[in-house]
C-alpha cells in the first residue's frame, strides 16, 4: 500500500455531520463515512452561517432578468438573502485561500451549495421553475476563489466513474503539494516518474508537455517550472480517462513484459483488452493483469506507478447509481 498525503476538503455540513438542512435533517452518506478516515474535512453550512434557523422555510434561486445572475430568496415570502450570502461566501472563502484546499464536496441541487442543476425560478411564491438550471450562490463563489480545486456534489459522487475520477484528482493534487513544499527538481522528477502512466491515461499530450518541463533544457527557475507544471497537471487531471487512452496506456505497460510472456498469455491479454473496449469487463481487469506481472517479474520502476493505486484501495466502492448526474 502506498503512503498517501491527506487532502483537505470542504464539505457541506449537512452531509454526515449536522442536522442543519432546511427541514432539520442530516444527509446519511456511506461514501463520506468511509472517506473521513483518509481526508481532513472542513465543514460549512452557508445557510446557518448567515443566521438562518433550523428548521427554516425553503430557499430558491430567482432569475429576474433571465440571466445567470441569481438572487437567493425565501420561497414563500421572497425575502432576499443575496447580499448576506455573498458577504459570507467572500469572507469564508477568502480566509481559506491561505490553506491547502484540494477539493469541495457540496450538497447537490442546493440553492446555496449546488454545483449544477439547481432549480431556478422567475419569482417567489407559486411560480414554476424555469427550463434552465443554475449554480448555488456559495458554490459560484467557490469557482471564483478556487478555480483549480476539485469540486463535486454528493449526488454526482454516487456514480462510479465520477467518484473514481474525483478521488484520483484529490489524492494526486494533494501529493503534488509535497513537490511544492520541497521546491526541488528531484521532487518534481520523482512525481512525474511515479505518475507517468496515470497521467498518460488522462492526457498523453499534457504528459508530454510536463515531461519537457522536467527536462528543463532552458534552465528555468525551479519555482517557475513547478508553477507551470501545476497548470498542466490540473488540465490533465480535469480530463476523464477513456477506454482508448486507457488501452494505449496499458499497451505501453504491456511492452515491459511481452518478451517474457508465452504466446497464450499475450493472446489472452489482448483478448482481455478487446473485452474491455467492448465494455464487457471493467478497466480493473486488464490493469490487475499488468500489476500481477509487475510483481511476478519484480519490475521496480513500475512497482511505484500510481496508476495501480491512485487513491487508498479502501475507498473503492463498486456501487453505482447508474446516473451521470
C-alpha atoms as a PDB file:
ATOM      1  CA  UNK A   1       0.000   0.000   0.000  1.00  0.00           C
ATOM      2  CA  UNK A   2       1.184   3.485  -0.877  1.00  0.00           C
ATOM      3  CA  UNK A   3       1.698   6.273   1.614  1.00  0.00           C
ATOM      4  CA  UNK A   4      -0.817   8.982   0.841  1.00  0.00           C
ATOM      5  CA  UNK A   5      -0.848  12.617   1.817  1.00  0.00           C
ATOM      6  CA  UNK A   6      -4.070  13.809   3.457  1.00  0.00           C
ATOM      7  CA  UNK A   7      -6.237  16.020   1.227  1.00  0.00           C
ATOM      8  CA  UNK A   8      -8.104  18.974   2.708  1.00  0.00           C
ATOM      9  CA  UNK A   9     -11.733  19.004   1.597  1.00  0.00           C
ATOM     10  CA  UNK A  10     -14.505  21.496   2.283  1.00  0.00           C
ATOM     11  CA  UNK A  11     -17.731  19.603   2.960  1.00  0.00           C
ATOM     12  CA  UNK A  12     -21.323  20.748   3.277  1.00  0.00           C
ATOM     13  CA  UNK A  13     -22.017  20.256   6.973  1.00  0.00           C
ATOM     14  CA  UNK A  14     -25.434  18.687   6.388  1.00  0.00           C
ATOM     15  CA  UNK A  15     -23.720  15.645   4.848  1.00  0.00           C
ATOM     16  CA  UNK A  16     -22.997  13.232   7.711  1.00  0.00           C
ATOM     17  CA  UNK A  17     -22.077  15.986  10.196  1.00  0.00           C
ATOM     18  CA  UNK A  18     -25.004  18.094  11.396  1.00  0.00           C
ATOM     19  CA  UNK A  19     -28.808  18.286  11.295  1.00  0.00           C
ATOM     20  CA  UNK A  20     -28.749  21.652   9.576  1.00  0.00           C
ATOM     21  CA  UNK A  21     -30.841  21.130   6.449  1.00  0.00           C
ATOM     22  CA  UNK A  22     -33.901  23.317   5.945  1.00  0.00           C
ATOM     23  CA  UNK A  23     -36.099  20.563   7.435  1.00  0.00           C
ATOM     24  CA  UNK A  24     -33.742  19.857  10.345  1.00  0.00           C
ATOM     25  CA  UNK A  25     -32.381  16.658   8.838  1.00  0.00           C
ATOM     26  CA  UNK A  26     -28.915  15.340   8.055  1.00  0.00           C
ATOM     27  CA  UNK A  27     -27.791  13.501   4.914  1.00  0.00           C
ATOM     28  CA  UNK A  28     -26.575   9.950   5.529  1.00  0.00           C
ATOM     29  CA  UNK A  29     -23.782   9.077   3.119  1.00  0.00           C
ATOM     30  CA  UNK A  30     -21.740   5.872   3.331  1.00  0.00           C
ATOM     31  CA  UNK A  31     -19.044   7.188   0.997  1.00  0.00           C
ATOM     32  CA  UNK A  32     -18.434  10.236   3.198  1.00  0.00           C
ATOM     33  CA  UNK A  33     -18.356   7.999   6.280  1.00  0.00           C
ATOM     34  CA  UNK A  34     -15.543   5.975   4.714  1.00  0.00           C
ATOM     35  CA  UNK A  35     -13.732   8.944   3.213  1.00  0.00           C
ATOM     36  CA  UNK A  36     -13.454  10.848   6.502  1.00  0.00           C
ATOM     37  CA  UNK A  37     -10.714   8.451   7.694  1.00  0.00           C
ATOM     38  CA  UNK A  38      -8.489   9.462   4.769  1.00  0.00           C
ATOM     39  CA  UNK A  39      -9.066  13.203   4.368  1.00  0.00           C
ATOM     40  CA  UNK A  40      -9.324  16.303   6.511  1.00  0.00           C
ATOM     41  CA  UNK A  41     -12.887  17.621   6.303  1.00  0.00           C
ATOM     42  CA  UNK A  42     -13.610  21.295   6.938  1.00  0.00           C
ATOM     43  CA  UNK A  43     -17.386  21.605   7.218  1.00  0.00           C
ATOM     44  CA  UNK A  44     -19.572  24.577   6.399  1.00  0.00           C
ATOM     45  CA  UNK A  45     -23.276  25.342   6.182  1.00  0.00           C
ATOM     46  CA  UNK A  46     -23.619  28.691   4.380  1.00  0.00           C
ATOM     47  CA  UNK A  47     -27.291  28.999   5.261  1.00  0.00           C
ATOM     48  CA  UNK A  48     -26.952  28.659   9.033  1.00  0.00           C
ATOM     49  CA  UNK A  49     -23.756  30.719   8.820  1.00  0.00           C
ATOM     50  CA  UNK A  50     -25.783  33.738   7.688  1.00  0.00           C
ATOM     51  CA  UNK A  51     -28.069  33.331  10.703  1.00  0.00           C
ATOM     52  CA  UNK A  52     -30.890  31.149   9.361  1.00  0.00           C
ATOM     53  CA  UNK A  53     -32.587  28.825  11.818  1.00  0.00           C
ATOM     54  CA  UNK A  54     -33.023  25.073  11.611  1.00  0.00           C
ATOM     55  CA  UNK A  55     -35.610  24.134  10.513  1.00  0.00           C
ATOM     56  CA  UNK A  56     -36.462  27.013   8.179  1.00  0.00           C
ATOM     57  CA  UNK A  57     -38.505  27.887   5.119  1.00  0.00           C
ATOM     58  CA  UNK A  58     -37.047  26.729   1.839  1.00  0.00           C
ATOM     59  CA  UNK A  59     -34.913  28.981  -0.346  1.00  0.00           C
ATOM     60  CA  UNK A  60     -34.771  29.327  -4.103  1.00  0.00           C
ATOM     61  CA  UNK A  61     -32.773  30.997  -6.850  1.00  0.00           C
ATOM     62  CA  UNK A  62     -34.543  33.763  -8.737  1.00  0.00           C
ATOM     63  CA  UNK A  63     -33.641  34.918 -12.235  1.00  0.00           C
ATOM     64  CA  UNK A  64     -35.472  38.206 -12.641  1.00  0.00           C
ATOM     65  CA  UNK A  65     -33.727  39.387 -15.795  1.00  0.00           C
ATOM     66  CA  UNK A  66     -33.349  35.943 -17.448  1.00  0.00           C
ATOM     67  CA  UNK A  67     -29.566  35.949 -16.990  1.00  0.00           C
ATOM     68  CA  UNK A  68     -27.199  33.773 -14.966  1.00  0.00           C
ATOM     69  CA  UNK A  69     -27.097  36.366 -12.168  1.00  0.00           C
ATOM     70  CA  UNK A  70     -29.329  34.886  -9.493  1.00  0.00           C
ATOM     71  CA  UNK A  71     -30.890  36.193  -6.301  1.00  0.00           C
ATOM     72  CA  UNK A  72     -31.350  33.952  -3.262  1.00  0.00           C
ATOM     73  CA  UNK A  73     -34.738  34.394  -1.623  1.00  0.00           C
ATOM     74  CA  UNK A  74     -37.174  32.637   0.686  1.00  0.00           C
ATOM     75  CA  UNK A  75     -39.571  30.628  -1.476  1.00  0.00           C
ATOM     76  CA  UNK A  76     -42.733  31.783   0.296  1.00  0.00           C
ATOM     77  CA  UNK A  77     -42.311  35.465   1.125  1.00  0.00           C
ATOM     78  CA  UNK A  78     -39.495  36.459  -1.226  1.00  0.00           C
ATOM     79  CA  UNK A  79     -37.225  37.979   1.441  1.00  0.00           C
ATOM     80  CA  UNK A  80     -33.866  38.477  -0.260  1.00  0.00           C
ATOM     81  CA  UNK A  81     -30.724  36.895   1.239  1.00  0.00           C
ATOM     82  CA  UNK A  82     -28.409  37.502  -1.708  1.00  0.00           C
ATOM     83  CA  UNK A  83     -26.265  40.164  -0.071  1.00  0.00           C
ATOM     84  CA  UNK A  84     -25.871  38.188   3.165  1.00  0.00           C
ATOM     85  CA  UNK A  85     -24.858  35.049   1.277  1.00  0.00           C
ATOM     86  CA  UNK A  86     -22.431  36.926  -0.961  1.00  0.00           C
ATOM     87  CA  UNK A  87     -20.807  38.624   2.047  1.00  0.00           C
ATOM     88  CA  UNK A  88     -20.403  35.347   3.923  1.00  0.00           C
ATOM     89  CA  UNK A  89     -19.134  33.467   0.864  1.00  0.00           C
ATOM     90  CA  UNK A  90     -16.465  36.054   0.091  1.00  0.00           C
ATOM     91  CA  UNK A  91     -15.327  36.200   3.728  1.00  0.00           C
ATOM     92  CA  UNK A  92     -15.250  32.428   4.275  1.00  0.00           C
ATOM     93  CA  UNK A  93     -13.521  31.556   1.006  1.00  0.00           C
ATOM     94  CA  UNK A  94     -11.031  34.416   1.224  1.00  0.00           C
ATOM     95  CA  UNK A  95      -9.913  33.130   4.633  1.00  0.00           C
ATOM     96  CA  UNK A  96      -9.417  29.675   3.103  1.00  0.00           C
ATOM     97  CA  UNK A  97      -7.058  30.911   0.400  1.00  0.00           C
ATOM     98  CA  UNK A  98      -4.030  30.573   2.670  1.00  0.00           C
ATOM     99  CA  UNK A  99      -4.875  26.909   3.295  1.00  0.00           C
ATOM    100  CA  UNK A 100      -4.049  23.998   1.009  1.00  0.00           C
ATOM    101  CA  UNK A 101      -7.569  23.164  -0.144  1.00  0.00           C
ATOM    102  CA  UNK A 102      -7.700  20.219  -2.530  1.00  0.00           C
ATOM    103  CA  UNK A 103     -11.401  19.878  -3.116  1.00  0.00           C
ATOM    104  CA  UNK A 104     -15.029  20.526  -2.244  1.00  0.00           C
ATOM    105  CA  UNK A 105     -17.971  18.172  -1.737  1.00  0.00           C
ATOM    106  CA  UNK A 106     -21.170  20.202  -1.618  1.00  0.00           C
ATOM    107  CA  UNK A 107     -24.867  19.409  -1.265  1.00  0.00           C
ATOM    108  CA  UNK A 108     -26.426  18.666  -4.619  1.00  0.00           C
ATOM    109  CA  UNK A 109     -29.124  20.923  -6.051  1.00  0.00           C
ATOM    110  CA  UNK A 110     -28.997  23.253  -3.038  1.00  0.00           C
ATOM    111  CA  UNK A 111     -29.715  26.943  -3.849  1.00  0.00           C
ATOM    112  CA  UNK A 112     -26.622  27.809  -1.806  1.00  0.00           C
ATOM    113  CA  UNK A 113     -24.270  24.827  -2.366  1.00  0.00           C
ATOM    114  CA  UNK A 114     -25.426  23.116  -5.565  1.00  0.00           C
ATOM    115  CA  UNK A 115     -22.627  22.941  -8.140  1.00  0.00           C
ATOM    116  CA  UNK A 116     -25.048  22.367 -11.043  1.00  0.00           C
ATOM    117  CA  UNK A 117     -28.666  21.517 -11.838  1.00  0.00           C
ATOM    118  CA  UNK A 118     -30.100  23.857  -9.195  1.00  0.00           C
ATOM    119  CA  UNK A 119     -33.698  24.796  -9.962  1.00  0.00           C
ATOM    120  CA  UNK A 120     -34.191  28.434 -10.986  1.00  0.00           C
ATOM    121  CA  UNK A 121     -37.456  30.352 -10.705  1.00  0.00           C
ATOM    122  CA  UNK A 122     -38.847  33.577 -12.107  1.00  0.00           C
ATOM    123  CA  UNK A 123     -40.194  34.717  -8.732  1.00  0.00           C
ATOM    124  CA  UNK A 124     -41.084  33.530  -5.244  1.00  0.00           C
ATOM    125  CA  UNK A 125     -44.422  32.022  -4.390  1.00  0.00           C
ATOM    126  CA  UNK A 126     -46.394  29.790  -6.740  1.00  0.00           C
ATOM    127  CA  UNK A 127     -44.102  30.090  -9.703  1.00  0.00           C
ATOM    128  CA  UNK A 128     -42.965  27.151 -11.866  1.00  0.00           C
ATOM    129  CA  UNK A 129     -39.258  26.522 -12.237  1.00  0.00           C
ATOM    130  CA  UNK A 130     -37.600  27.758 -15.425  1.00  0.00           C
ATOM    131  CA  UNK A 131     -36.183  25.364 -18.061  1.00  0.00           C
ATOM    132  CA  UNK A 132     -32.606  26.388 -17.259  1.00  0.00           C
ATOM    133  CA  UNK A 133     -30.582  25.262 -14.263  1.00  0.00           C
ATOM    134  CA  UNK A 134     -28.169  27.266 -12.109  1.00  0.00           C
ATOM    135  CA  UNK A 135     -25.331  27.099  -9.590  1.00  0.00           C
ATOM    136  CA  UNK A 136     -25.878  27.852  -5.899  1.00  0.00           C
ATOM    137  CA  UNK A 137     -24.672  31.247  -4.677  1.00  0.00           C
ATOM    138  CA  UNK A 138     -21.994  29.875  -2.352  1.00  0.00           C
ATOM    139  CA  UNK A 139     -20.841  27.316  -4.931  1.00  0.00           C
ATOM    140  CA  UNK A 140     -20.500  30.008  -7.590  1.00  0.00           C
ATOM    141  CA  UNK A 141     -18.023  31.846  -5.361  1.00  0.00           C
ATOM    142  CA  UNK A 142     -16.079  28.603  -4.816  1.00  0.00           C
ATOM    143  CA  UNK A 143     -15.310  28.564  -8.531  1.00  0.00           C
ATOM    144  CA  UNK A 144     -14.135  32.176  -8.330  1.00  0.00           C
ATOM    145  CA  UNK A 145     -11.772  31.686  -5.382  1.00  0.00           C
ATOM    146  CA  UNK A 146     -10.617  28.143  -6.195  1.00  0.00           C
ATOM    147  CA  UNK A 147     -10.721  27.750  -9.987  1.00  0.00           C
ATOM    148  CA  UNK A 148      -8.384  24.736  -9.900  1.00  0.00           C
ATOM    149  CA  UNK A 149      -9.935  22.903  -6.940  1.00  0.00           C
ATOM    150  CA  UNK A 150     -11.784  19.622  -7.446  1.00  0.00           C
ATOM    151  CA  UNK A 151     -15.475  20.367  -6.916  1.00  0.00           C
ATOM    152  CA  UNK A 152     -18.242  17.768  -6.790  1.00  0.00           C
ATOM    153  CA  UNK A 153     -21.606  17.263  -5.124  1.00  0.00           C
ATOM    154  CA  UNK A 154     -22.836  14.306  -3.119  1.00  0.00           C
ATOM    155  CA  UNK A 155     -25.328  13.320  -5.804  1.00  0.00           C
ATOM    156  CA  UNK A 156     -22.823  13.028  -8.634  1.00  0.00           C
ATOM    157  CA  UNK A 157     -20.443  11.052  -6.413  1.00  0.00           C
ATOM    158  CA  UNK A 158     -22.917   8.168  -6.405  1.00  0.00           C
ATOM    159  CA  UNK A 159     -21.727   7.489  -9.960  1.00  0.00           C
ATOM    160  CA  UNK A 160     -18.780   5.064 -10.013  1.00  0.00           C
ATOM    161  CA  UNK A 161     -16.749   6.805 -12.745  1.00  0.00           C
ATOM    162  CA  UNK A 162     -17.269  10.296 -11.319  1.00  0.00           C
ATOM    163  CA  UNK A 163     -16.325   9.079  -7.842  1.00  0.00           C
ATOM    164  CA  UNK A 164     -13.133   7.341  -9.069  1.00  0.00           C
ATOM    165  CA  UNK A 165     -12.131  10.437 -11.058  1.00  0.00           C
ATOM    166  CA  UNK A 166     -12.758  12.680  -8.045  1.00  0.00           C
ATOM    167  CA  UNK A 167     -10.616  10.516  -5.766  1.00  0.00           C
ATOM    168  CA  UNK A 168      -7.813  10.285  -8.309  1.00  0.00           C
ATOM    169  CA  UNK A 169      -7.725  14.051  -8.660  1.00  0.00           C
ATOM    170  CA  UNK A 170      -7.772  14.972  -4.980  1.00  0.00           C
ATOM    171  CA  UNK A 171      -5.106  12.478  -3.934  1.00  0.00           C
ATOM    172  CA  UNK A 172      -2.847  13.304  -6.892  1.00  0.00           C
ATOM    173  CA  UNK A 173      -3.169  17.038  -6.287  1.00  0.00           C
ATOM    174  CA  UNK A 174      -2.573  16.526  -2.578  1.00  0.00           C
ATOM    175  CA  UNK A 175       0.619  14.592  -3.304  1.00  0.00           C
ATOM    176  CA  UNK A 176       1.805  17.400  -5.583  1.00  0.00           C
ATOM    177  CA  UNK A 177       1.855  19.698  -2.529  1.00  0.00           C
ATOM    178  CA  UNK A 178       4.964  17.785  -1.430  1.00  0.00           C
ATOM    179  CA  UNK A 179       6.679  18.853  -4.650  1.00  0.00           C
ATOM    180  CA  UNK A 180       5.766  22.470  -3.949  1.00  0.00           C
ATOM    181  CA  UNK A 181       6.976  22.129  -0.371  1.00  0.00           C
ATOM    182  CA  UNK A 182      10.386  20.729  -1.342  1.00  0.00           C
ATOM    183  CA  UNK A 183      10.682  23.068  -4.334  1.00  0.00           C
ATOM    184  CA  UNK A 184      13.348  20.903  -5.938  1.00  0.00           C
ATOM    185  CA  UNK A 185      13.888  19.424  -9.361  1.00  0.00           C
ATOM    186  CA  UNK A 186      14.364  15.997  -7.818  1.00  0.00           C
ATOM    187  CA  UNK A 187      10.936  16.022  -6.152  1.00  0.00           C
ATOM    188  CA  UNK A 188       9.311  17.119  -9.421  1.00  0.00           C
ATOM    189  CA  UNK A 189      11.075  14.422 -11.450  1.00  0.00           C
ATOM    190  CA  UNK A 190      10.093  11.800  -8.876  1.00  0.00           C
ATOM    191  CA  UNK A 191       6.454  12.925  -9.062  1.00  0.00           C
ATOM    192  CA  UNK A 192       6.486  12.843 -12.861  1.00  0.00           C
ATOM    193  CA  UNK A 193       8.087   9.400 -12.875  1.00  0.00           C
ATOM    194  CA  UNK A 194       5.620   7.819 -10.429  1.00  0.00           C
ATOM    195  CA  UNK A 195       2.574   9.351 -12.122  1.00  0.00           C
ATOM    196  CA  UNK A 196       3.661   8.787 -15.720  1.00  0.00           C
ATOM    197  CA  UNK A 197       1.086   6.142 -16.610  1.00  0.00           C
ATOM    198  CA  UNK A 198      -1.720   7.662 -14.584  1.00  0.00           C
ATOM    199  CA  UNK A 199      -1.225  10.926 -16.480  1.00  0.00           C
ATOM    200  CA  UNK A 200      -0.918   9.053 -19.769  1.00  0.00           C
ATOM    201  CA  UNK A 201      -4.402   7.631 -19.173  1.00  0.00           C
ATOM    202  CA  UNK A 202      -5.784  11.159 -18.758  1.00  0.00           C
ATOM    203  CA  UNK A 203      -3.829  13.108 -21.371  1.00  0.00           C
ATOM    204  CA  UNK A 204      -0.768  11.915 -23.320  1.00  0.00           C
ATOM    205  CA  UNK A 205      -0.476  15.441 -24.696  1.00  0.00           C
ATOM    206  CA  UNK A 206      -0.148  17.148 -21.330  1.00  0.00           C
ATOM    207  CA  UNK A 207       2.105  14.330 -20.103  1.00  0.00           C
ATOM    208  CA  UNK A 208       4.492  15.168 -22.923  1.00  0.00           C
ATOM    209  CA  UNK A 209       4.448  18.870 -22.025  1.00  0.00           C
ATOM    210  CA  UNK A 210       5.127  18.079 -18.367  1.00  0.00           C
ATOM    211  CA  UNK A 211       7.979  15.807 -19.425  1.00  0.00           C
ATOM    212  CA  UNK A 212       9.604  18.676 -21.307  1.00  0.00           C
ATOM    213  CA  UNK A 213       9.343  20.825 -18.190  1.00  0.00           C
ATOM    214  CA  UNK A 214      11.090  18.234 -16.035  1.00  0.00           C
ATOM    215  CA  UNK A 215      13.894  18.038 -18.608  1.00  0.00           C
ATOM    216  CA  UNK A 216      14.454  21.784 -18.015  1.00  0.00           C
ATOM    217  CA  UNK A 217      16.534  22.272 -21.143  1.00  0.00           C
ATOM    218  CA  UNK A 218      16.049  26.043 -20.861  1.00  0.00           C
ATOM    219  CA  UNK A 219      17.435  26.171 -17.296  1.00  0.00           C
ATOM    220  CA  UNK A 220      14.364  27.904 -15.865  1.00  0.00           C
ATOM    221  CA  UNK A 221      13.984  28.754 -12.196  1.00  0.00           C
ATOM    222  CA  UNK A 222      12.580  25.762 -10.298  1.00  0.00           C
ATOM    223  CA  UNK A 223       9.678  27.768  -8.832  1.00  0.00           C
ATOM    224  CA  UNK A 224       8.597  28.813 -12.320  1.00  0.00           C
ATOM    225  CA  UNK A 225       8.831  25.236 -13.568  1.00  0.00           C
ATOM    226  CA  UNK A 226       6.714  23.882 -10.720  1.00  0.00           C
ATOM    227  CA  UNK A 227       4.121  26.619 -11.242  1.00  0.00           C
ATOM    228  CA  UNK A 228       3.875  25.862 -14.957  1.00  0.00           C
ATOM    229  CA  UNK A 229       3.838  22.129 -14.266  1.00  0.00           C
ATOM    230  CA  UNK A 230       0.878  22.566 -11.908  1.00  0.00           C
ATOM    231  CA  UNK A 231      -1.092  24.295 -14.655  1.00  0.00           C
ATOM    232  CA  UNK A 232      -0.582  21.324 -16.984  1.00  0.00           C
ATOM    233  CA  UNK A 233      -1.291  18.876 -14.148  1.00  0.00           C
ATOM    234  CA  UNK A 234      -4.653  20.497 -13.406  1.00  0.00           C
ATOM    235  CA  UNK A 235      -5.574  20.446 -17.076  1.00  0.00           C
ATOM    236  CA  UNK A 236      -4.560  16.804 -17.451  1.00  0.00           C
ATOM    237  CA  UNK A 237      -6.482  15.668 -14.370  1.00  0.00           C
ATOM    238  CA  UNK A 238      -9.588  17.554 -15.481  1.00  0.00           C
ATOM    239  CA  UNK A 239      -9.830  15.161 -18.445  1.00  0.00           C
ATOM    240  CA  UNK A 240     -11.651  11.930 -17.664  1.00  0.00           C
ATOM    241  CA  UNK A 241      -9.881   8.763 -18.710  1.00  0.00           C
ATOM    242  CA  UNK A 242     -11.479   6.975 -21.676  1.00  0.00           C
ATOM    243  CA  UNK A 243     -11.147   3.392 -22.954  1.00  0.00           C
ATOM    244  CA  UNK A 244      -8.967   4.362 -25.926  1.00  0.00           C
ATOM    245  CA  UNK A 245      -6.487   6.247 -23.713  1.00  0.00           C
ATOM    246  CA  UNK A 246      -6.563   3.502 -21.095  1.00  0.00           C
ATOM    247  CA  UNK A 247      -5.821   0.884 -23.733  1.00  0.00           C
ATOM    248  CA  UNK A 248      -2.961   2.966 -25.106  1.00  0.00           C
ATOM    249  CA  UNK A 249      -1.525   3.226 -21.594  1.00  0.00           C
ATOM    250  CA  UNK A 250      -1.985  -0.496 -20.925  1.00  0.00           C
ATOM    251  CA  UNK A 251      -0.196  -1.391 -24.142  1.00  0.00           C
ATOM    252  CA  UNK A 252       2.764   0.737 -23.044  1.00  0.00           C
ATOM    253  CA  UNK A 253       2.860  -1.214 -19.785  1.00  0.00           C
ATOM    254  CA  UNK A 254       2.411  -4.495 -21.655  1.00  0.00           C
ATOM    255  CA  UNK A 255       5.557  -3.696 -23.623  1.00  0.00           C
ATOM    256  CA  UNK A 256       7.650  -4.158 -20.477  1.00  0.00           C
ATOM    257  CA  UNK A 257       6.624  -7.825 -20.253  1.00  0.00           C
ATOM    258  CA  UNK A 258       5.731  -9.084 -23.718  1.00  0.00           C
ATOM    259  CA  UNK A 259       9.129 -10.732 -24.268  1.00  0.00           C
ATOM    260  CA  UNK A 260       8.757 -12.703 -21.028  1.00  0.00           C
ATOM    261  CA  UNK A 261       5.235 -13.971 -21.685  1.00  0.00           C
ATOM    262  CA  UNK A 262       4.100 -17.044 -23.558  1.00  0.00           C
ATOM    263  CA  UNK A 263       2.113 -16.733 -26.768  1.00  0.00           C
ATOM    264  CA  UNK A 264      -1.048 -17.828 -24.993  1.00  0.00           C
ATOM    265  CA  UNK A 265      -0.555 -15.258 -22.193  1.00  0.00           C
ATOM    266  CA  UNK A 266      -0.078 -12.456 -24.693  1.00  0.00           C
ATOM    267  CA  UNK A 267      -3.098 -13.562 -26.718  1.00  0.00           C
ATOM    268  CA  UNK A 268      -5.223 -13.750 -23.563  1.00  0.00           C
ATOM    269  CA  UNK A 269      -4.216 -10.225 -22.512  1.00  0.00           C
ATOM    270  CA  UNK A 270      -5.037  -8.775 -25.941  1.00  0.00           C
ATOM    271  CA  UNK A 271      -8.404 -10.560 -25.883  1.00  0.00           C
ATOM    272  CA  UNK A 272      -8.994  -9.022 -22.446  1.00  0.00           C
ATOM    273  CA  UNK A 273      -8.297  -5.560 -23.878  1.00  0.00           C
ATOM    274  CA  UNK A 274     -10.880  -6.196 -26.599  1.00  0.00           C
ATOM    275  CA  UNK A 275     -13.443  -7.172 -23.987  1.00  0.00           C
ATOM    276  CA  UNK A 276     -12.681  -4.004 -22.031  1.00  0.00           C
ATOM    277  CA  UNK A 277     -13.006  -1.920 -25.193  1.00  0.00           C
ATOM    278  CA  UNK A 278     -16.378  -3.574 -25.862  1.00  0.00           C
ATOM    279  CA  UNK A 279     -17.485  -2.721 -22.279  1.00  0.00           C
ATOM    280  CA  UNK A 280     -17.801  -6.374 -21.298  1.00  0.00           C
ATOM    281  CA  UNK A 281     -15.344  -6.111 -18.398  1.00  0.00           C
ATOM    282  CA  UNK A 282     -14.158  -3.176 -16.222  1.00  0.00           C
ATOM    283  CA  UNK A 283     -10.815  -1.409 -16.526  1.00  0.00           C
ATOM    284  CA  UNK A 284      -9.528  -3.021 -13.332  1.00  0.00           C
ATOM    285  CA  UNK A 285      -9.335  -6.445 -15.004  1.00  0.00           C
ATOM    286  CA  UNK A 286      -6.557  -5.744 -17.555  1.00  0.00           C
ATOM    287  CA  UNK A 287      -4.882  -3.361 -15.101  1.00  0.00           C
ATOM    288  CA  UNK A 288      -4.729  -6.101 -12.464  1.00  0.00           C
ATOM    289  CA  UNK A 289      -3.195  -8.455 -15.019  1.00  0.00           C
ATOM    290  CA  UNK A 290      -0.417  -5.941 -15.641  1.00  0.00           C
ATOM    291  CA  UNK A 291       0.027  -5.412 -11.913  1.00  0.00           C
ATOM    292  CA  UNK A 292       0.461  -9.144 -11.370  1.00  0.00           C
ATOM    293  CA  UNK A 293       3.292  -9.141 -13.939  1.00  0.00           C
ATOM    294  CA  UNK A 294       4.926  -6.197 -12.169  1.00  0.00           C
ATOM    295  CA  UNK A 295       5.168  -8.340  -9.052  1.00  0.00           C
ATOM    296  CA  UNK A 296       5.973 -11.577 -10.890  1.00  0.00           C
ATOM    297  CA  UNK A 297       8.886 -10.094 -12.802  1.00  0.00           C
ATOM    298  CA  UNK A 298       9.880  -7.722  -9.969  1.00  0.00           C
ATOM    299  CA  UNK A 299       9.852  -4.580 -12.074  1.00  0.00           C
ATOM    300  CA  UNK A 300      10.953  -1.924  -9.589  1.00  0.00           C
ATOM    301  CA  UNK A 301      10.149   1.047 -11.836  1.00  0.00           C
ATOM    302  CA  UNK A 302       6.538   0.022 -12.441  1.00  0.00           C
ATOM    303  CA  UNK A 303       6.046  -1.121  -8.866  1.00  0.00           C
ATOM    304  CA  UNK A 304       5.754   2.515  -7.728  1.00  0.00           C
ATOM    305  CA  UNK A 305       3.424   3.647 -10.513  1.00  0.00           C
ATOM    306  CA  UNK A 306       0.385   5.371  -9.042  1.00  0.00           C
ATOM    307  CA  UNK A 307      -1.892   4.032 -11.774  1.00  0.00           C
ATOM    308  CA  UNK A 308      -2.120   0.798  -9.754  1.00  0.00           C
ATOM    309  CA  UNK A 309      -3.348   2.631  -6.647  1.00  0.00           C
ATOM    310  CA  UNK A 310      -4.228   6.275  -7.373  1.00  0.00           C
ATOM    311  CA  UNK A 311      -6.071   6.542  -4.054  1.00  0.00           C
ATOM    312  CA  UNK A 312      -6.434   4.319  -0.968  1.00  0.00           C
ATOM    313  CA  UNK A 313      -7.912   0.992  -2.035  1.00  0.00           C
ATOM    314  CA  UNK A 314     -10.252   1.052   0.970  1.00  0.00           C
ATOM    315  CA  UNK A 315     -12.175   3.827  -0.788  1.00  0.00           C
ATOM    316  CA  UNK A 316     -13.113   1.639  -3.737  1.00  0.00           C
ATOM    317  CA  UNK A 317     -16.878   1.130  -3.827  1.00  0.00           C
ATOM    318  CA  UNK A 318     -18.446  -0.798  -6.694  1.00  0.00           C
ATOM    319  CA  UNK A 319     -21.905   0.612  -6.094  1.00  0.00           C
ATOM    320  CA  UNK A 320     -23.100   2.865  -8.868  1.00  0.00           C
ATOM    321  CA  UNK A 321     -26.255   4.914  -9.213  1.00  0.00           C
ATOM    322  CA  UNK A 322     -26.087   4.347 -12.967  1.00  0.00           C
ATOM    323  CA  UNK A 323     -26.818   8.029 -13.491  1.00  0.00           C
ATOM    324  CA  UNK A 324     -24.407  10.618 -14.881  1.00  0.00           C
ATOM    325  CA  UNK A 325     -25.982  13.286 -12.704  1.00  0.00           C
END
